[in-house]
Amino acid sequence: MAAAGDGPWLDDAAGRLVRPFTVSNGRTEPSVALDLMSQVRATGSTPLGYLGPEHAQALDLCRGPVPVAEVAACLKLPAAVTKVLLSDLVDCGALTTKPPEYHHIPTDRALLEAVLDGLRRQL
């Protein structure tokens, strides 16, 4: 029995009915360089040809700018599979991508030390 909102691909007792890498036809490398924090956004263009249900779900999630990691979490798919799906959508013009902002900002040592301190307190 599928959980509410999960569609026919998830089963409460069995889990995912389709293996994640089946969704990407076994591909593990996206055609577009995507970082987990890369922002993706729907262009409004309709993709030509058949794309799987996961492509449609991903496209629906990308109405506004959203990071790749969030799309992966919402789809309950590994990041590598999600990157392949998203790159398919970029290739057909249905999505645009923007690299994360932090690539343009030099690393701030004080910020990194504060993050490290916070992580140490959590352990």
C-alpha atoms as a PDB file:
ATOM      1  CA  MET A   1       0.000   0.000   0.000  1.00  0.00           C
ATOM      2  CA  ALA A   2       1.528   3.314  -1.051  1.00  0.00           C
ATOM      3  CA  ALA A   3       1.962   6.084   1.475  1.00  0.00           C
ATOM      4  CA  ALA A   4       0.000   9.266   0.835  1.00  0.00           C
ATOM      5  CA  GLY A   5       1.751  11.486  -1.709  1.00  0.00           C
ATOM      6  CA  ASP A   6       4.330   8.876  -2.655  1.00  0.00           C
ATOM      7  CA  GLY A   7       2.549   7.495  -5.708  1.00  0.00           C
ATOM      8  CA  PRO A   8       2.941   3.934  -6.966  1.00  0.00           C
ATOM      9  CA  TRP A   9       6.734   3.877  -6.601  1.00  0.00           C
ATOM     10  CA  LEU A  10       6.828   3.465  -2.810  1.00  0.00           C
ATOM     11  CA  ASP A  11       5.234   0.786  -0.670  1.00  0.00           C
ATOM     12  CA  ASP A  12       4.881   1.081   3.118  1.00  0.00           C
ATOM     13  CA  ALA A  13       6.065  -2.474   3.768  1.00  0.00           C
ATOM     14  CA  ALA A  14       8.483  -3.029   0.892  1.00  0.00           C
ATOM     15  CA  GLY A  15       9.901   0.469   0.450  1.00  0.00           C
ATOM     16  CA  ARG A  16      10.868   1.698  -3.024  1.00  0.00           C
ATOM     17  CA  LEU A  17       9.476  -0.643  -5.681  1.00  0.00           C
ATOM     18  CA  VAL A  18      11.809   0.634  -8.395  1.00  0.00           C
ATOM     19  CA  ARG A  19      15.534   0.642  -7.701  1.00  0.00           C
ATOM     20  CA  PRO A  20      16.980   4.185  -7.732  1.00  0.00           C
ATOM     21  CA  PHE A  21      19.440   3.614 -10.564  1.00  0.00           C
ATOM     22  CA  THR A  22      16.664   2.146 -12.707  1.00  0.00           C
ATOM     23  CA  VAL A  23      15.134   5.633 -12.637  1.00  0.00           C
ATOM     24  CA  SER A  24      18.243   7.026 -14.364  1.00  0.00           C
ATOM     25  CA  ASN A  25      18.606   4.010 -16.702  1.00  0.00           C
ATOM     26  CA  GLY A  26      21.776   3.040 -14.855  1.00  0.00           C
ATOM     27  CA  ARG A  27      23.486   6.350 -15.600  1.00  0.00           C
ATOM     28  CA  THR A  28      25.576   7.746 -12.763  1.00  0.00           C
ATOM     29  CA  GLU A  29      27.091  10.827 -14.394  1.00  0.00           C
ATOM     30  CA  PRO A  30      24.951  13.869 -15.134  1.00  0.00           C
ATOM     31  CA  SER A  31      25.538  15.645 -18.439  1.00  0.00           C
ATOM     32  CA  VAL A  32      25.552  18.999 -16.592  1.00  0.00           C
ATOM     33  CA  ALA A  33      27.853  19.777 -13.647  1.00  0.00           C
ATOM     34  CA  LEU A  34      25.601  20.048 -10.580  1.00  0.00           C
ATOM     35  CA  ASP A  35      26.610  20.607  -6.981  1.00  0.00           C
ATOM     36  CA  LEU A  36      24.303  19.655  -4.103  1.00  0.00           C
ATOM     37  CA  MET A  37      23.780  23.361  -3.503  1.00  0.00           C
ATOM     38  CA  SER A  38      23.288  24.283  -7.168  1.00  0.00           C
ATOM     39  CA  GLN A  39      19.986  26.053  -7.676  1.00  0.00           C
ATOM     40  CA  VAL A  40      17.621  24.638 -10.305  1.00  0.00           C
ATOM     41  CA  ARG A  41      14.458  26.309 -11.575  1.00  0.00           C
ATOM     42  CA  ALA A  42      11.780  25.428 -14.117  1.00  0.00           C
ATOM     43  CA  THR A  43      11.856  27.503 -17.298  1.00  0.00           C
ATOM     44  CA  GLY A  44       8.213  26.949 -18.171  1.00  0.00           C
ATOM     45  CA  SER A  45       9.132  25.006 -21.315  1.00  0.00           C
ATOM     46  CA  THR A  46       7.504  21.610 -21.722  1.00  0.00           C
ATOM     47  CA  PRO A  47      10.021  18.809 -22.222  1.00  0.00           C
ATOM     48  CA  LEU A  48       9.665  17.000 -25.555  1.00  0.00           C
ATOM     49  CA  GLY A  49       9.386  13.234 -25.551  1.00  0.00           C
ATOM     50  CA  TYR A  50       8.745  10.883 -22.664  1.00  0.00           C
ATOM     51  CA  LEU A  51      10.435  11.491 -19.373  1.00  0.00           C
ATOM     52  CA  GLY A  52       9.703   9.274 -16.394  1.00  0.00           C
ATOM     53  CA  PRO A  53       7.418  10.098 -13.482  1.00  0.00           C
ATOM     54  CA  GLU A  54      10.415  11.157 -11.390  1.00  0.00           C
ATOM     55  CA  HIS A  55      11.293  13.763 -14.021  1.00  0.00           C
ATOM     56  CA  ALA A  56       7.759  15.166 -13.744  1.00  0.00           C
ATOM     57  CA  GLN A  57       7.968  15.192  -9.939  1.00  0.00           C
ATOM     58  CA  ALA A  58      11.348  16.934 -10.047  1.00  0.00           C
ATOM     59  CA  LEU A  59      10.070  19.519 -12.510  1.00  0.00           C
ATOM     60  CA  ASP A  60       7.063  20.185 -10.271  1.00  0.00           C
ATOM     61  CA  LEU A  61       9.392  20.768  -7.299  1.00  0.00           C
ATOM     62  CA  CYS A  62      11.417  23.309  -9.272  1.00  0.00           C
ATOM     63  CA  ARG A  63       8.753  25.978  -9.788  1.00  0.00           C
ATOM     64  CA  GLY A  64      10.970  28.340  -7.809  1.00  0.00           C
ATOM     65  CA  PRO A  65      14.729  28.138  -7.272  1.00  0.00           C
ATOM     66  CA  VAL A  66      15.549  25.060  -5.212  1.00  0.00           C
ATOM     67  CA  PRO A  67      18.869  23.355  -4.379  1.00  0.00           C
ATOM     68  CA  VAL A  68      19.635  19.949  -5.852  1.00  0.00           C
ATOM     69  CA  ALA A  69      19.906  18.468  -2.333  1.00  0.00           C
ATOM     70  CA  GLU A  70      16.328  19.499  -1.534  1.00  0.00           C
ATOM     71  CA  VAL A  71      15.010  17.943  -4.740  1.00  0.00           C
ATOM     72  CA  ALA A  72      16.819  14.694  -3.890  1.00  0.00           C
ATOM     73  CA  ALA A  73      15.338  14.682  -0.385  1.00  0.00           C
ATOM     74  CA  CYS A  74      11.808  15.346  -1.647  1.00  0.00           C
ATOM     75  CA  LEU A  75      12.094  12.622  -4.303  1.00  0.00           C
ATOM     76  CA  LYS A  76      13.646  10.220  -1.763  1.00  0.00           C
ATOM     77  CA  LEU A  77      16.382   9.410  -4.283  1.00  0.00           C
ATOM     78  CA  PRO A  78      20.180   9.389  -3.968  1.00  0.00           C
ATOM     79  CA  ALA A  79      21.816  12.658  -4.966  1.00  0.00           C
ATOM     80  CA  ALA A  80      23.653  10.996  -7.878  1.00  0.00           C
ATOM     81  CA  VAL A  81      20.377   9.781  -9.405  1.00  0.00           C
ATOM     82  CA  THR A  82      18.705  13.151  -8.820  1.00  0.00           C
ATOM     83  CA  LYS A  83      21.578  14.954 -10.561  1.00  0.00           C
ATOM     84  CA  VAL A  84      21.097  12.730 -13.624  1.00  0.00           C
ATOM     85  CA  LEU A  85      17.340  13.422 -13.667  1.00  0.00           C
ATOM     86  CA  LEU A  86      17.875  17.157 -13.293  1.00  0.00           C
ATOM     87  CA  SER A  87      20.557  17.223 -15.990  1.00  0.00           C
ATOM     88  CA  ASP A  88      18.075  15.515 -18.351  1.00  0.00           C
ATOM     89  CA  LEU A  89      15.656  18.366 -17.655  1.00  0.00           C
ATOM     90  CA  VAL A  90      18.373  20.980 -18.198  1.00  0.00           C
ATOM     91  CA  ASP A  91      19.355  19.314 -21.486  1.00  0.00           C
ATOM     92  CA  CYS A  92      15.790  19.521 -22.826  1.00  0.00           C
ATOM     93  CA  GLY A  93      15.397  23.147 -21.738  1.00  0.00           C
ATOM     94  CA  ALA A  94      12.859  22.533 -18.951  1.00  0.00           C
ATOM     95  CA  LEU A  95      15.247  23.654 -16.172  1.00  0.00           C
ATOM     96  CA  THR A  96      17.956  26.229 -15.717  1.00  0.00           C
ATOM     97  CA  THR A  97      20.748  25.904 -13.226  1.00  0.00           C
ATOM     98  CA  LYS A  98      22.823  28.350 -11.259  1.00  0.00           C
ATOM     99  CA  PRO A  99      25.966  27.430  -9.322  1.00  0.00           C
ATOM    100  CA  PRO A 100      25.877  28.001  -5.575  1.00  0.00           C
ATOM    101  CA  GLU A 101      26.883  31.452  -4.412  1.00  0.00           C
ATOM    102  CA  TYR A 102      29.681  30.232  -2.167  1.00  0.00           C
ATOM    103  CA  HIS A 103      31.880  29.460  -5.185  1.00  0.00           C
ATOM    104  CA  HIS A 104      32.422  33.198  -5.542  1.00  0.00           C
ATOM    105  CA  ILE A 105      33.152  33.938  -1.890  1.00  0.00           C
ATOM    106  CA  PRO A 106      36.552  33.058  -0.426  1.00  0.00           C
ATOM    107  CA  THR A 107      36.435  30.743   2.571  1.00  0.00           C
ATOM    108  CA  ASP A 108      36.191  32.614   5.842  1.00  0.00           C
ATOM    109  CA  ARG A 109      38.332  30.899   8.493  1.00  0.00           C
ATOM    110  CA  ALA A 110      36.263  32.331  11.352  1.00  0.00           C
ATOM    111  CA  LEU A 111      33.089  30.892   9.817  1.00  0.00           C
ATOM    112  CA  LEU A 112      34.671  27.462   9.391  1.00  0.00           C
ATOM    113  CA  GLU A 113      35.907  27.509  12.984  1.00  0.00           C
ATOM    114  CA  ALA A 114      32.429  28.444  14.234  1.00  0.00           C
ATOM    115  CA  VAL A 115      30.907  25.550  12.262  1.00  0.00           C
ATOM    116  CA  LEU A 116      33.550  23.166  13.636  1.00  0.00           C
ATOM    117  CA  ASP A 117      32.886  24.385  17.169  1.00  0.00           C
ATOM    118  CA  GLY A 118      29.146  23.827  16.704  1.00  0.00           C
ATOM    119  CA  LEU A 119      29.717  20.317  15.384  1.00  0.00           C
ATOM    120  CA  ARG A 120      31.990  19.460  18.311  1.00  0.00           C
ATOM    121  CA  ARG A 121      29.291  20.605  20.755  1.00  0.00           C
ATOM    122  CA  GLN A 122      26.794  18.299  19.048  1.00  0.00           C
ATOM    123  CA  LEU A 123      29.026  15.241  19.539  1.00  0.00           C
END
